[in-house]
Protein backbone atom coordinates (compact mmCIF):
# COMPACT_ATOMS: atom_id res chain seq x y z
CA MET A 1 2.96 -1.75 6.13
CA MET A 2 -0.05 -2.78 4.68
CA ASN A 3 -3.58 -0.26 4.12
CA ARG A 4 -6.39 -1.32 2.50
CA VAL A 5 -9.78 -0.11 3.23
CA LEU A 6 -11.93 -3.40 2.60
CA GLN A 7 -15.96 -3.31 4.29
CA ALA A 8 -17.80 -5.38 6.12
CA THR A 9 -21.01 -6.10 8.44
CA TYR A 10 -21.20 -5.76 12.38
CA HIS A 11 -23.21 -8.86 12.96
CA ASP A 12 -23.78 -10.69 16.83
CA GLY A 13 -21.02 -8.52 18.38
CA SER A 14 -18.53 -9.88 15.26
CA LEU A 15 -17.02 -8.31 12.10
CA VAL A 16 -17.90 -10.12 8.80
CA LEU A 17 -14.88 -8.82 6.40
CA ASP A 18 -17.00 -9.01 2.83
CA GLU A 19 -14.05 -10.23 1.15
CA LYS A 20 -10.85 -12.93 2.72
CA LEU A 21 -8.06 -11.27 4.37
CA ASP A 22 -4.25 -12.49 3.15
CA ALA A 23 -2.95 -15.79 4.79
CA ALA A 24 0.29 -13.99 5.79
CA LEU A 25 -2.07 -12.23 7.98
CA GLU A 26 -2.47 -14.83 9.48
CA GLY A 27 -2.33 -14.46 13.89
CA LYS A 28 -1.74 -10.32 13.26
CA LYS A 29 -2.57 -7.86 15.38
CA LEU A 30 -4.83 -5.25 13.23
CA LYS A 31 -5.58 -2.25 13.85
CA ILE A 32 -9.49 -1.59 12.29
CA VAL A 33 -10.60 1.75 12.14
CA VAL A 34 -14.29 1.47 11.83
CA ILE A 35 -16.53 4.17 9.84
CA GLN A 36 -20.41 3.69 8.89
CA ASP A 37 -21.17 3.77 5.00
CA SER A 38 -22.95 6.06 6.02
CA ALA A 39 -20.44 8.05 6.15
CA PRO A 40 -18.73 8.25 2.04
CA ALA A 41 -16.92 11.85 2.60
CA GLN A 42 -15.12 10.54 5.14
CA LEU A 43 -14.22 7.26 3.08
CA GLN A 44 -13.37 8.95 0.98
CA ASP A 45 -10.50 11.46 2.82
CA ILE A 46 -9.24 8.09 4.81
CA GLU A 47 -7.91 5.88 1.31
CA GLN A 48 -6.89 9.27 -0.06
CA SER A 49 -4.18 9.37 2.97
CA VAL A 50 -3.31 5.70 2.21
CA SER A 51 -3.15 6.63 -0.95
CA GLU A 52 -0.64 9.76 -0.22
CA SER A 53 0.75 7.05 2.54
CA ARG A 54 2.09 4.57 0.52
CA LYS A 55 3.36 7.46 -2.91
CA GLN A 56 5.08 8.76 -0.34
CA LEU A 57 6.57 5.47 0.40
CA PHE A 58 7.17 4.94 -2.25
CA LEU A 59 8.99 7.67 -3.58
CA LYS A 60 11.69 7.58 0.01
CA GLN A 61 12.28 3.84 -1.82
CA ILE A 62 13.54 5.72 -5.35
CA ARG A 63 15.07 8.09 -3.22
CA HIS A 64 16.77 5.66 -1.57
CA TYR A 65 17.77 3.40 -4.32
CA SER A 66 18.84 5.37 -6.76
CA PHE A 67 22.02 6.65 -7.95
CA LYS A 68 23.99 9.59 -10.25
CA LEU A 69 25.07 8.22 -13.60
CA PRO A 70 27.98 10.39 -15.06
CA GLU A 71 26.95 13.03 -18.05
CA ASN A 72 29.09 11.44 -20.30
CA TYR A 73 27.25 7.65 -19.95
CA GLN A 74 25.63 5.21 -21.99
CA PHE A 75 23.27 1.81 -21.61
CA ASP A 76 24.96 -0.70 -23.94
CA ARG A 77 22.52 -4.03 -24.16
CA GLU A 78 25.46 -6.05 -25.14
CA GLU A 79 28.04 -5.12 -23.04
CA LEU A 80 25.54 -5.69 -20.75
CA TYR A 81 24.98 -9.87 -21.21
CA GLU A 82 27.86 -10.21 -22.05
CA ARG A 83 29.04 -9.97 -18.24
């Protein structure tokens, strides 16, 4: 899932983005939240929400792929390269 905040200009019934989207999004449906530029507090709230969502996703992935090491575990670089 990708969340980004982009700037756009509304012109003749269309939104014209200030930057191009990733080609991987071609043909995909997107949800758009429109906030006038004169509402920076709302934009900041959305950016903070997106940031918090990314943080939660990152922490969830860390928990999913983490495991406990034995208390006496010691990293041995030489042993690693022997394999």
